[in-house]
Protein backbone atom coordinates (compact mmCIF):
# COMPACT_ATOMS: atom_id res chain seq x y z
CA MET A 1 -142.92 -8.73 -14.83
CA ALA A 2 -139.75 -10.07 -16.50
CA LYS A 3 -139.79 -13.71 -17.50
CA LYS A 4 -137.52 -15.96 -15.48
CA ILE A 5 -134.72 -17.98 -17.09
CA ALA A 6 -132.46 -20.58 -15.51
CA VAL A 7 -129.07 -21.36 -17.04
CA ILE A 8 -127.49 -24.66 -16.02
CA GLY A 9 -123.70 -24.63 -16.09
CA SER A 10 -121.22 -21.77 -16.26
CA GLY A 11 -119.01 -22.76 -19.16
CA VAL A 12 -118.24 -19.94 -21.56
CA GLY A 13 -121.49 -20.66 -23.44
CA GLY A 14 -123.60 -20.63 -20.29
CA MET A 15 -122.05 -17.42 -18.97
CA ALA A 16 -122.47 -15.67 -22.34
CA ALA A 17 -126.10 -16.79 -22.61
CA ALA A 18 -126.84 -15.55 -19.08
CA ILE A 19 -125.24 -12.18 -19.82
CA ARG A 20 -127.05 -11.71 -23.12
CA LEU A 21 -130.45 -12.68 -21.76
CA GLN A 22 -130.12 -10.56 -18.62
CA CYS A 23 -129.17 -7.59 -20.80
CA ARG A 24 -132.36 -8.26 -22.79
CA GLY A 25 -134.34 -7.67 -19.63
CA TYR A 26 -134.99 -11.23 -18.52
CA ASP A 27 -134.58 -12.33 -14.90
CA VAL A 28 -131.71 -14.83 -15.15
CA THR A 29 -130.30 -17.24 -12.57
CA LEU A 30 -127.09 -19.14 -13.32
CA TYR A 31 -126.52 -22.46 -11.54
CA GLU A 32 -123.04 -23.99 -11.27
CA LYS A 33 -122.28 -27.19 -9.38
CA ASN A 34 -118.62 -26.23 -8.77
CA ASP A 35 -117.42 -23.47 -6.49
CA THR A 36 -116.10 -21.36 -9.36
CA LEU A 37 -117.42 -20.33 -12.75
CA GLY A 38 -115.84 -21.02 -16.10
CA GLY A 39 -116.29 -24.67 -17.00
CA LYS A 40 -113.20 -25.75 -18.95
CA ILE A 41 -111.69 -22.26 -18.63
CA SER A 42 -109.97 -22.63 -15.30
CA GLU A 43 -106.55 -22.51 -13.66
CA ILE A 44 -104.44 -24.32 -11.09
CA GLN A 45 -101.58 -23.23 -8.89
CA LEU A 46 -98.64 -25.56 -8.21
CA GLY A 47 -96.48 -23.69 -5.72
CA LYS A 48 -95.45 -20.52 -7.54
CA PHE A 49 -96.46 -21.87 -10.95
CA ARG A 50 -99.83 -20.88 -12.46
CA PHE A 51 -101.41 -22.92 -15.26
CA ASP A 52 -104.40 -22.42 -17.52
CA THR A 53 -106.17 -25.78 -17.51
CA GLY A 54 -108.49 -25.39 -20.48
CA PRO A 55 -108.29 -23.64 -23.85
CA SER A 56 -104.95 -22.01 -24.58
CA LEU A 57 -105.49 -20.39 -27.99
CA PHE A 58 -107.71 -17.31 -28.33
CA THR A 59 -109.27 -16.47 -31.69
CA LEU A 60 -112.18 -14.22 -32.71
CA PRO A 61 -111.75 -11.96 -29.64
CA HIS A 62 -114.49 -9.66 -30.97
CA LEU A 63 -117.01 -12.21 -29.65
CA VAL A 64 -115.99 -11.30 -26.09
CA ASP A 65 -115.79 -7.60 -26.99
CA GLU A 66 -119.40 -7.82 -28.22
CA LEU A 67 -120.50 -8.91 -24.74
CA ILE A 68 -118.75 -5.91 -23.18
CA LEU A 69 -120.65 -3.61 -25.55
CA LEU A 70 -124.03 -4.96 -24.36
CA ASN A 71 -124.05 -2.78 -21.25
CA GLU A 72 -122.34 0.56 -20.74
CA LYS A 73 -121.56 -0.46 -17.16
CA PHE A 74 -119.27 -3.16 -18.56
CA ASN A 75 -116.84 -0.43 -19.67
CA ILE A 76 -115.12 -0.61 -16.28
CA ILE A 77 -113.98 -4.18 -17.06
CA ASP A 78 -110.32 -4.34 -17.99
CA PHE A 79 -110.16 -7.02 -20.67
CA SER A 80 -107.16 -6.55 -22.91
CA TYR A 81 -105.36 -8.87 -25.27
CA GLN A 82 -102.52 -8.82 -27.75
CA LYS A 83 -102.21 -10.25 -31.23
CA LEU A 84 -99.43 -12.79 -31.44
CA ASP A 85 -96.66 -12.10 -33.95
CA LYS A 86 -95.65 -15.76 -33.82
CA VAL A 87 -98.44 -18.17 -33.06
CA THR A 88 -96.95 -21.67 -33.08
CA LYS A 89 -93.47 -23.09 -33.54
CA TYR A 90 -93.49 -26.46 -35.29
CA PHE A 91 -90.78 -29.07 -34.78
CA TYR A 92 -90.49 -32.00 -37.19
CA GLU A 93 -88.83 -35.38 -36.81
CA ASN A 94 -85.78 -34.36 -38.84
CA ASP A 95 -85.16 -31.32 -36.61
CA THR A 96 -86.59 -28.81 -39.08
CA PHE A 97 -88.92 -26.21 -37.59
CA ILE A 98 -90.96 -23.16 -38.53
CA SER A 99 -92.82 -20.42 -36.71
CA ASN A 100 -96.15 -19.60 -38.33
CA ASP A 101 -96.02 -15.82 -38.18
CA ASN A 102 -96.55 -15.14 -41.89
CA PRO A 103 -96.60 -17.73 -44.69
CA HIS A 104 -94.33 -15.48 -46.76
CA ASN A 105 -91.66 -15.95 -44.09
CA TRP A 106 -91.80 -19.74 -44.09
CA ASP A 107 -88.35 -20.05 -45.67
CA LEU A 108 -88.26 -23.74 -44.88
CA PHE A 109 -90.57 -24.32 -47.83
CA SER A 110 -90.00 -23.70 -51.52
CA PRO A 111 -91.31 -20.46 -53.14
CA ASN A 112 -93.84 -22.57 -55.02
CA ASN A 113 -95.20 -24.08 -51.81
CA LYS A 114 -95.31 -20.70 -50.08
CA ASN A 115 -97.48 -19.39 -52.90
CA ARG A 116 -99.69 -22.45 -52.57
CA ILE A 117 -100.12 -21.74 -48.85
CA VAL A 118 -101.20 -18.16 -49.53
CA ASN A 119 -103.75 -19.34 -52.11
CA TYR A 120 -104.94 -22.11 -49.78
CA LEU A 121 -105.55 -19.66 -46.92
CA GLN A 122 -107.41 -17.32 -49.26
CA LYS A 123 -109.66 -20.20 -50.32
CA ASN A 124 -110.38 -20.99 -46.67
CA LYS A 125 -111.17 -17.34 -46.00
CA LEU A 126 -113.82 -17.40 -48.73
CA ARG A 127 -115.10 -20.75 -47.45
CA TYR A 128 -115.44 -19.37 -43.92
CA GLU A 129 -117.34 -16.30 -45.13
CA LEU A 130 -119.66 -18.62 -47.04
CA ALA A 131 -120.22 -21.16 -44.27
CA ALA A 132 -120.16 -19.10 -41.06
CA PRO A 133 -123.63 -17.50 -41.38
CA ILE A 134 -125.17 -20.96 -41.89
CA PHE A 135 -123.09 -23.32 -39.78
CA LEU A 136 -121.88 -21.07 -36.96
CA GLN A 137 -123.95 -17.94 -36.46
CA ASN A 138 -127.50 -19.25 -36.80
CA SER A 139 -129.51 -22.28 -35.83
CA LEU A 140 -128.76 -25.02 -38.33
CA HIS A 141 -132.06 -26.65 -37.30
CA SER A 142 -134.36 -23.70 -37.94
CA ILE A 143 -136.20 -23.54 -41.26
CA HIS A 144 -135.74 -19.75 -41.32
CA THR A 145 -131.98 -20.19 -41.69
CA TYR A 146 -132.45 -21.90 -45.05
CA PHE A 147 -134.51 -19.08 -46.50
CA SER A 148 -131.79 -16.51 -45.94
CA LYS A 149 -129.62 -15.08 -48.70
CA TYR A 150 -126.65 -16.76 -47.06
CA ALA A 151 -128.22 -20.21 -47.44
CA TRP A 152 -128.96 -19.74 -51.13
CA ASN A 153 -125.46 -18.42 -51.70
CA ALA A 154 -123.98 -21.46 -49.92
CA LEU A 155 -126.22 -23.83 -51.89
CA LEU A 156 -125.06 -22.36 -55.19
CA LYS A 157 -121.43 -22.84 -54.14
CA LEU A 158 -121.86 -26.16 -52.33
CA HIS A 159 -118.91 -27.69 -54.18
CA SER A 160 -116.55 -25.16 -52.60
CA LEU A 161 -117.43 -26.06 -49.00
CA GLY A 162 -115.30 -29.20 -49.04
CA ILE A 163 -117.93 -31.59 -47.71
CA PHE A 164 -117.11 -34.34 -50.21
CA GLN A 165 -113.40 -34.68 -49.31
CA THR A 166 -111.61 -35.31 -46.04
CA MET A 167 -109.32 -32.67 -44.62
CA HIS A 168 -106.28 -34.82 -45.35
CA GLU A 169 -107.35 -35.55 -48.92
CA GLU A 170 -107.76 -31.86 -49.67
CA ASN A 171 -104.45 -30.97 -48.06
CA MET A 172 -102.69 -33.70 -50.02
CA SER A 173 -104.16 -32.30 -53.23
CA ASN A 174 -102.90 -28.81 -52.40
CA PHE A 175 -99.33 -29.49 -51.27
CA ASP A 176 -96.43 -31.71 -52.26
CA ASP A 177 -94.54 -31.18 -49.00
CA MET A 178 -95.76 -33.55 -46.29
CA ARG A 179 -94.69 -31.12 -43.58
CA ILE A 180 -97.25 -28.61 -44.84
CA VAL A 181 -99.91 -31.32 -45.10
CA GLN A 182 -99.26 -32.31 -41.48
CA LEU A 183 -99.32 -28.69 -40.36
CA PHE A 184 -102.78 -28.12 -41.81
CA ASP A 185 -104.07 -31.59 -40.90
CA ARG A 186 -103.49 -30.63 -37.26
CA TYR A 187 -106.44 -28.24 -37.30
CA ALA A 188 -108.77 -31.24 -37.06
CA THR A 189 -107.63 -31.62 -33.45
CA TYR A 190 -108.99 -28.15 -32.64
CA ASN A 191 -112.40 -29.82 -32.27
CA GLY A 192 -111.26 -33.32 -31.36
CA SER A 193 -111.53 -34.78 -34.86
CA ASP A 194 -109.48 -36.98 -37.15
CA PRO A 195 -108.04 -35.30 -40.30
CA TYR A 196 -108.32 -38.60 -42.18
CA ARG A 197 -112.08 -38.67 -41.58
CA THR A 198 -113.36 -35.15 -40.93
CA PRO A 199 -114.63 -33.19 -43.96
CA ALA A 200 -112.37 -30.62 -45.60
CA THR A 201 -114.89 -27.96 -44.54
CA LEU A 202 -113.00 -27.82 -41.25
CA ASN A 203 -109.98 -26.40 -43.02
CA ILE A 204 -111.67 -23.07 -42.32
CA ILE A 205 -110.10 -23.32 -38.85
CA SER A 206 -106.74 -22.42 -40.39
CA HIS A 207 -108.31 -19.18 -41.63
CA LEU A 208 -109.12 -18.11 -38.07
CA GLU A 209 -105.54 -18.56 -36.93
CA HIS A 210 -103.53 -17.50 -39.98
CA ASN A 211 -105.71 -14.86 -41.63
CA LEU A 212 -107.63 -13.37 -38.71
CA GLY A 213 -104.91 -13.99 -36.16
CA ALA A 214 -104.41 -15.59 -32.76
CA TYR A 215 -104.39 -13.59 -29.56
CA TYR A 216 -103.43 -13.83 -25.91
CA PRO A 217 -105.28 -12.09 -23.06
CA THR A 218 -102.92 -9.87 -21.05
CA GLN A 219 -103.84 -11.64 -17.81
CA GLY A 220 -103.90 -15.14 -19.27
CA MET A 221 -106.72 -17.26 -20.65
CA ILE A 222 -108.37 -17.17 -17.23
CA ALA A 223 -109.03 -13.46 -17.93
CA ILE A 224 -111.84 -14.52 -20.28
CA ARG A 225 -113.64 -16.23 -17.41
CA ASN A 226 -112.88 -13.36 -15.03
CA ALA A 227 -114.21 -10.73 -17.43
CA MET A 228 -117.42 -12.65 -18.01
CA SER A 229 -117.82 -13.24 -14.25
CA GLU A 230 -117.61 -9.48 -13.75
CA MET A 231 -120.27 -8.92 -16.41
CA ILE A 232 -122.53 -11.39 -14.64
CA LYS A 233 -122.20 -9.47 -11.37
CA ILE A 234 -122.63 -6.05 -12.93
CA CYS A 235 -125.72 -6.82 -15.01
CA GLY A 236 -127.49 -8.57 -12.14
CA VAL A 237 -127.52 -12.24 -13.06
CA VAL A 238 -128.22 -14.23 -9.89
CA CYS A 239 -125.26 -16.58 -9.65
CA SER A 240 -125.52 -19.71 -7.52
CA THR A 241 -122.34 -21.81 -7.16
CA GLY A 242 -122.21 -25.16 -5.39
CA ALA A 243 -125.68 -25.68 -6.85
CA GLU A 244 -126.36 -29.20 -8.09
CA VAL A 245 -129.25 -29.28 -10.56
CA SER A 246 -130.81 -32.73 -10.32
CA GLN A 247 -133.79 -32.37 -12.66
CA ILE A 248 -135.39 -30.16 -15.27
CA LEU A 249 -139.11 -30.12 -14.51
CA VAL A 250 -141.46 -30.62 -17.45
CA ASN A 251 -145.25 -30.69 -17.57
CA ASN A 252 -147.37 -31.14 -20.71
CA ASN A 253 -144.26 -30.83 -22.87
CA LYS A 254 -143.34 -27.47 -21.40
CA VAL A 255 -140.53 -26.44 -19.05
CA LYS A 256 -141.78 -25.65 -15.56
CA GLY A 257 -138.57 -25.25 -13.58
CA LEU A 258 -135.70 -27.04 -11.86
CA ILE A 259 -134.87 -29.04 -8.78
CA VAL A 260 -131.67 -27.61 -7.31
CA ASN A 261 -130.16 -29.00 -4.12
CA ASN A 262 -133.53 -30.72 -3.52
CA ILE A 263 -135.46 -27.44 -3.81
CA HIS A 264 -138.08 -26.79 -6.52
CA TYR A 265 -137.79 -23.52 -8.49
CA GLU A 266 -140.16 -22.32 -11.24
CA TYR A 267 -138.86 -20.87 -14.53
CA ASP A 268 -140.32 -19.81 -17.86
CA TYR A 269 -137.27 -20.98 -19.79
CA VAL A 270 -134.31 -23.24 -19.09
CA VAL A 271 -130.99 -23.08 -20.93
CA SER A 272 -128.73 -26.10 -20.41
CA ASN A 273 -125.02 -25.50 -20.81
CA ALA A 274 -124.39 -28.97 -19.38
CA ASP A 275 -123.17 -31.74 -21.67
CA ILE A 276 -126.08 -32.87 -23.82
CA CYS A 277 -125.70 -36.51 -22.71
CA HIS A 278 -125.81 -35.48 -19.05
CA THR A 279 -128.79 -33.22 -19.73
CA TYR A 280 -130.90 -36.06 -21.12
CA ARG A 281 -129.60 -38.97 -19.05
CA LYS A 282 -129.61 -37.21 -15.67
CA LEU A 283 -131.72 -34.05 -15.82
CA LEU A 284 -134.58 -35.28 -18.03
CA PRO A 285 -135.10 -38.85 -16.75
CA THR A 286 -138.72 -39.11 -17.92
CA ILE A 287 -138.19 -37.59 -21.37
CA LYS A 288 -137.48 -39.68 -24.47
CA ALA A 289 -133.88 -38.93 -25.42
CA PRO A 290 -132.67 -38.35 -29.01
CA GLU A 291 -130.76 -41.62 -29.06
CA ARG A 292 -129.45 -41.23 -32.61
CA ILE A 293 -127.68 -38.01 -31.66
CA LEU A 294 -126.49 -39.16 -28.24
CA ALA A 295 -125.05 -42.35 -29.75
CA GLN A 296 -122.83 -40.50 -32.24
CA PRO A 297 -119.07 -41.21 -31.87
CA LYS A 298 -117.46 -38.91 -29.35
CA SER A 299 -114.52 -36.61 -29.93
CA SER A 300 -111.02 -37.30 -28.74
CA SER A 301 -109.78 -36.15 -25.36
CA ALA A 302 -106.44 -35.07 -23.94
CA MET A 303 -103.78 -36.09 -21.48
CA ILE A 304 -102.13 -33.09 -19.89
CA PHE A 305 -98.92 -32.78 -17.91
CA HIS A 306 -98.64 -29.57 -15.91
CA TRP A 307 -94.92 -29.17 -15.27
CA GLY A 308 -93.15 -26.48 -13.32
CA VAL A 309 -89.80 -26.48 -15.09
CA GLN A 310 -86.46 -25.21 -13.82
CA GLY A 311 -84.63 -23.05 -16.35
CA THR A 312 -85.72 -21.17 -19.48
CA HIS A 313 -85.79 -22.46 -23.03
CA PRO A 314 -85.27 -19.78 -25.68
CA ASP A 315 -85.87 -22.26 -28.52
CA LEU A 316 -89.53 -22.52 -27.46
CA GLU A 317 -92.36 -20.04 -28.03
CA LEU A 318 -95.74 -19.56 -26.33
CA HIS A 319 -97.24 -22.39 -28.45
CA ASN A 320 -95.12 -25.28 -29.69
CA ILE A 321 -95.81 -28.49 -31.60
CA LEU A 322 -93.47 -31.49 -31.74
CA PHE A 323 -94.88 -33.49 -34.63
CA THR A 324 -94.90 -37.26 -34.75
CA ASP A 325 -93.21 -38.90 -37.73
CA ASN A 326 -96.37 -40.95 -38.41
CA TYR A 327 -99.51 -38.85 -38.02
CA LYS A 328 -101.77 -41.47 -39.57
CA SER A 329 -100.68 -44.09 -37.05
CA GLU A 330 -101.34 -41.66 -34.19
CA PHE A 331 -104.98 -41.29 -35.23
CA GLU A 332 -105.38 -45.00 -35.91
CA HIS A 333 -104.36 -45.65 -32.29
CA ILE A 334 -106.85 -43.06 -31.03
CA ARG A 335 -109.65 -44.71 -33.04
CA GLN A 336 -108.81 -48.01 -31.31
CA GLY A 337 -108.88 -46.43 -27.85
CA ASN A 338 -105.10 -46.43 -27.47
CA ILE A 339 -102.27 -43.90 -27.26
CA TYR A 340 -99.54 -43.90 -29.89
CA SER A 341 -96.03 -44.39 -28.46
CA LYS A 342 -94.72 -41.43 -30.51
CA PRO A 343 -97.53 -38.90 -30.19
CA THR A 344 -97.58 -35.32 -31.40
CA ILE A 345 -96.82 -33.12 -28.39
CA TYR A 346 -98.21 -29.64 -27.75
CA ILE A 347 -96.28 -27.44 -25.30
CA TYR A 348 -97.91 -24.23 -24.11
CA ILE A 349 -95.78 -21.94 -21.93
CA SER A 350 -97.82 -18.94 -20.82
CA SER A 351 -94.88 -17.54 -18.81
CA LYS A 352 -93.28 -16.67 -22.18
CA VAL A 353 -95.83 -13.83 -22.31
CA LYS A 354 -97.19 -13.55 -18.76
CA LYS A 355 -93.98 -13.58 -16.78
CA ASP A 356 -95.52 -13.96 -13.32
CA ASP A 357 -96.96 -17.39 -14.22
CA ALA A 358 -93.61 -18.90 -13.15
CA PRO A 359 -90.83 -17.96 -10.73
CA ALA A 360 -87.80 -16.16 -12.11
CA GLY A 361 -85.61 -18.51 -14.09
CA CYS A 362 -88.43 -21.06 -14.52
CA GLU A 363 -91.27 -21.84 -16.93
CA ASN A 364 -94.75 -23.34 -16.66
CA TRP A 365 -95.17 -26.09 -19.25
CA PHE A 366 -98.65 -27.24 -20.23
CA VAL A 367 -97.80 -30.41 -22.15
CA MET A 368 -100.68 -32.11 -23.98
CA ILE A 369 -101.16 -35.11 -26.23
CA ASN A 370 -104.31 -36.20 -28.05
CA VAL A 371 -105.84 -39.36 -26.60
CA PRO A 372 -109.15 -41.21 -26.98
CA HIS A 373 -112.10 -40.41 -24.76
CA ASP A 374 -112.68 -42.70 -21.79
CA GLN A 375 -113.74 -46.22 -22.74
CA GLY A 376 -112.75 -47.92 -19.49
CA GLN A 377 -109.00 -47.83 -20.06
CA ASP A 378 -106.49 -48.04 -17.21
CA TRP A 379 -105.63 -44.35 -17.26
CA HIS A 380 -103.10 -44.60 -14.43
CA MET A 381 -101.01 -47.05 -16.42
CA LEU A 382 -101.53 -45.17 -19.68
CA ALA A 383 -100.41 -41.92 -18.04
CA GLN A 384 -97.22 -43.53 -16.75
CA ASN A 385 -96.38 -44.95 -20.17
CA ALA A 386 -97.30 -41.74 -21.95
CA LYS A 387 -95.10 -39.65 -19.67
CA GLU A 388 -92.10 -41.88 -20.41
CA ASN A 389 -92.69 -41.55 -24.14
CA VAL A 390 -93.29 -37.80 -23.98
CA VAL A 391 -90.11 -37.27 -21.97
CA LYS A 392 -88.06 -39.29 -24.50
CA ILE A 393 -89.41 -37.29 -27.42
CA ILE A 394 -88.87 -33.91 -25.74
CA ASN A 395 -85.33 -34.86 -24.74
CA LYS A 396 -84.46 -35.92 -28.27
CA ARG A 397 -86.10 -33.01 -30.09
CA LEU A 398 -84.93 -30.26 -27.73
CA ASN A 399 -81.63 -31.86 -26.67
CA ILE A 400 -82.35 -31.59 -22.94
CA ASN A 401 -83.08 -33.86 -19.97
CA ILE A 402 -86.49 -32.50 -19.09
CA GLU A 403 -87.09 -35.01 -16.29
CA ASP A 404 -84.24 -33.39 -14.30
CA ARG A 405 -85.87 -29.98 -14.62
CA ILE A 406 -89.42 -30.82 -13.47
CA ILE A 407 -89.91 -29.40 -9.96
CA ALA A 408 -93.73 -29.43 -9.85
CA GLU A 409 -96.20 -31.73 -11.59
CA GLN A 410 -99.86 -32.53 -12.01
CA ILE A 411 -101.24 -35.02 -14.56
CA ARG A 412 -104.80 -34.92 -15.90
CA THR A 413 -106.48 -37.68 -17.90
CA PRO A 414 -109.91 -37.94 -19.59
CA LEU A 415 -111.26 -39.19 -16.25
CA HIS A 416 -110.22 -35.94 -14.56
CA ILE A 417 -111.68 -33.90 -17.41
CA ALA A 418 -115.00 -35.74 -17.12
CA GLN A 419 -115.14 -35.29 -13.35
CA GLU A 420 -114.10 -31.63 -13.35
CA THR A 421 -116.07 -30.33 -16.34
CA GLY A 422 -118.95 -32.78 -16.80
CA ALA A 423 -117.75 -33.63 -20.33
CA TYR A 424 -119.31 -37.01 -21.16
CA LEU A 425 -116.57 -39.69 -21.20
CA GLY A 426 -114.01 -36.89 -21.06
CA ALA A 427 -114.65 -36.09 -24.74
CA LEU A 428 -113.55 -32.48 -25.06
CA TYR A 429 -115.95 -31.50 -27.84
CA GLY A 430 -118.97 -33.75 -27.44
CA ASN A 431 -119.69 -35.62 -30.67
CA SER A 432 -116.83 -35.95 -33.15
CA SER A 433 -116.93 -34.25 -36.54
CA ASN A 434 -115.65 -37.26 -38.41
CA ASN A 435 -118.23 -37.46 -41.18
CA MET A 436 -119.75 -35.14 -43.76
CA PHE A 437 -123.06 -34.92 -41.89
CA SER A 438 -121.55 -34.21 -38.47
CA ALA A 439 -122.77 -30.60 -38.40
CA PHE A 440 -126.33 -31.90 -38.72
CA LEU A 441 -125.81 -34.58 -36.08
CA ARG A 442 -125.16 -32.15 -33.27
CA HIS A 443 -128.13 -31.41 -31.06
CA ALA A 444 -130.07 -28.27 -31.93
CA ASN A 445 -129.95 -25.23 -29.66
CA TYR A 446 -133.59 -25.79 -28.74
CA SER A 447 -135.86 -28.73 -28.00
CA THR A 448 -138.44 -29.61 -30.61
CA ASP A 449 -140.43 -31.56 -28.00
CA ILE A 450 -140.26 -29.38 -24.89
CA LYS A 451 -141.28 -25.74 -25.13
CA GLY A 452 -138.97 -23.40 -23.27
CA LEU A 453 -135.92 -25.71 -23.27
CA TYR A 454 -132.72 -24.50 -24.94
CA PHE A 455 -129.12 -25.69 -25.21
CA CYS A 456 -125.71 -24.05 -25.57
CA GLY A 457 -122.09 -25.04 -25.15
CA GLY A 458 -119.57 -27.31 -26.80
CA SER A 459 -121.69 -30.48 -27.00
CA VAL A 460 -124.42 -28.89 -29.16
CA HIS A 461 -124.53 -26.79 -32.32
CA PRO A 462 -122.22 -25.32 -33.56
CA GLY A 463 -119.54 -27.13 -31.52
CA GLY A 464 -116.70 -26.86 -29.02
CA GLY A 465 -114.03 -24.25 -28.40
CA ILE A 466 -114.41 -20.70 -27.13
CA PRO A 467 -115.65 -19.05 -30.37
CA LEU A 468 -118.24 -21.73 -31.15
CA CYS A 469 -119.54 -21.76 -27.57
CA LEU A 470 -119.95 -17.99 -27.75
CA TYR A 471 -121.81 -18.41 -31.03
CA SER A 472 -124.11 -20.97 -29.38
CA ALA A 473 -125.00 -18.38 -26.72
CA GLN A 474 -125.79 -15.86 -29.47
CA ILE A 475 -128.08 -18.36 -31.16
CA VAL A 476 -129.97 -19.18 -27.93
CA ASP A 477 -130.36 -15.49 -27.17
CA LYS A 478 -131.86 -14.85 -30.63
CA LEU A 479 -134.14 -17.88 -30.42
CA ILE A 480 -135.66 -16.91 -27.07
CA TRP A 481 -135.98 -13.24 -27.98
CA SER A 482 -137.55 -14.00 -31.36
CA TYR A 483 -139.98 -16.45 -29.78
CA ASP A 484 -141.13 -13.89 -27.23
CA LYS A 485 -141.51 -11.20 -29.88
CA SER A 486 -143.63 -13.50 -32.02
CA LYS A 487 -145.96 -14.12 -29.06
CA SER A 488 -146.29 -10.49 -28.01
């Protein structure tokens, strides 16, 4: 008889883990407290405007393709995507802008700096190839990882991983144009970190976007959730929505099952895709929590303005960044729990590619600024002030009166993110990565104290974002399978 596994939470990591384990031959049940699957990958409809509400940039698409290859019946799933020729358009305070299609085309910068960019991206490619097998694709907390050829190779080249410098320090040492420094400093925000504190190792993120490329699913980011939902149905995962897990049952340091909607179910293994703080504080009330890990500083969050906008704006692309003139001050405010009055603004307009996301002659603007996680702030007041500041900046940079063009609106703060996704304090990526040991201060993908308990998703190793959550599911799958093989 197949062993029974429960997966708590249907974020991208939870769905991927359920799919992988079911395809292994386990009997998997997926529990989701909301009515729909997907976690942070979701969507909203404001009249005739459709918005992605979670991740908006798609990299490493082969990680989704790998799931489709697990079962020949998945071949009927239509999951297509396109590589973006132009990924992001950057606007600077002095009205200069670039589109990051190819560094050789960045005519805004001197030939010397363009050559430096090419060399910089090559260095990050080599760094990624060195670090990924250790920090992303395997359990960082398993002794077996450190006896692999990859570990010894990384150890011999430890100096090249960038763990002894901050991202900003390394970027400053590579470029003499502050616009380029700011462009590459921004990649710290891809996992809710601070470029003035996070290790230069995270500069590998630029490799994913510039060297490997950024993509867009033909049917929008929600297509990732929809494709994985179809896989779940096809392979036979039992999917229970509206299912509130209240406790993980443990006896003699071994998982015994769950209490779901006040009903007791028995399982051989449990995989928690819930936020690690929620898992320990709410679902394991009698178990000693790893306080040192749970107490680590949390990542930043976001304030998002979903605007249905009248008119089209040919100066804007799918992804757009309006940079602040004082990046350092922006992050200093976030550290203090505040929002800078002149924040960097990200504008994502999916209707540039997926035309039916907005009515004819209109656009759907997903406007986001980086903000601190919830620390008891008055988010209603902060949202009002932030909107005024964002509107002023957009009007000045783009030479429009955006407030006259907004015909539909929804505003989301860290409080909404916490309520909707279960992210502790609304922190988008769990613990921050703002120190050189941050990779080791994320919770492992398995419990060292409770047999049969595993963890995946953005709040545990290797981190947040679609690719890393998919990697976490891979790691859990390998851990459970290897454990069973060793016992057979």
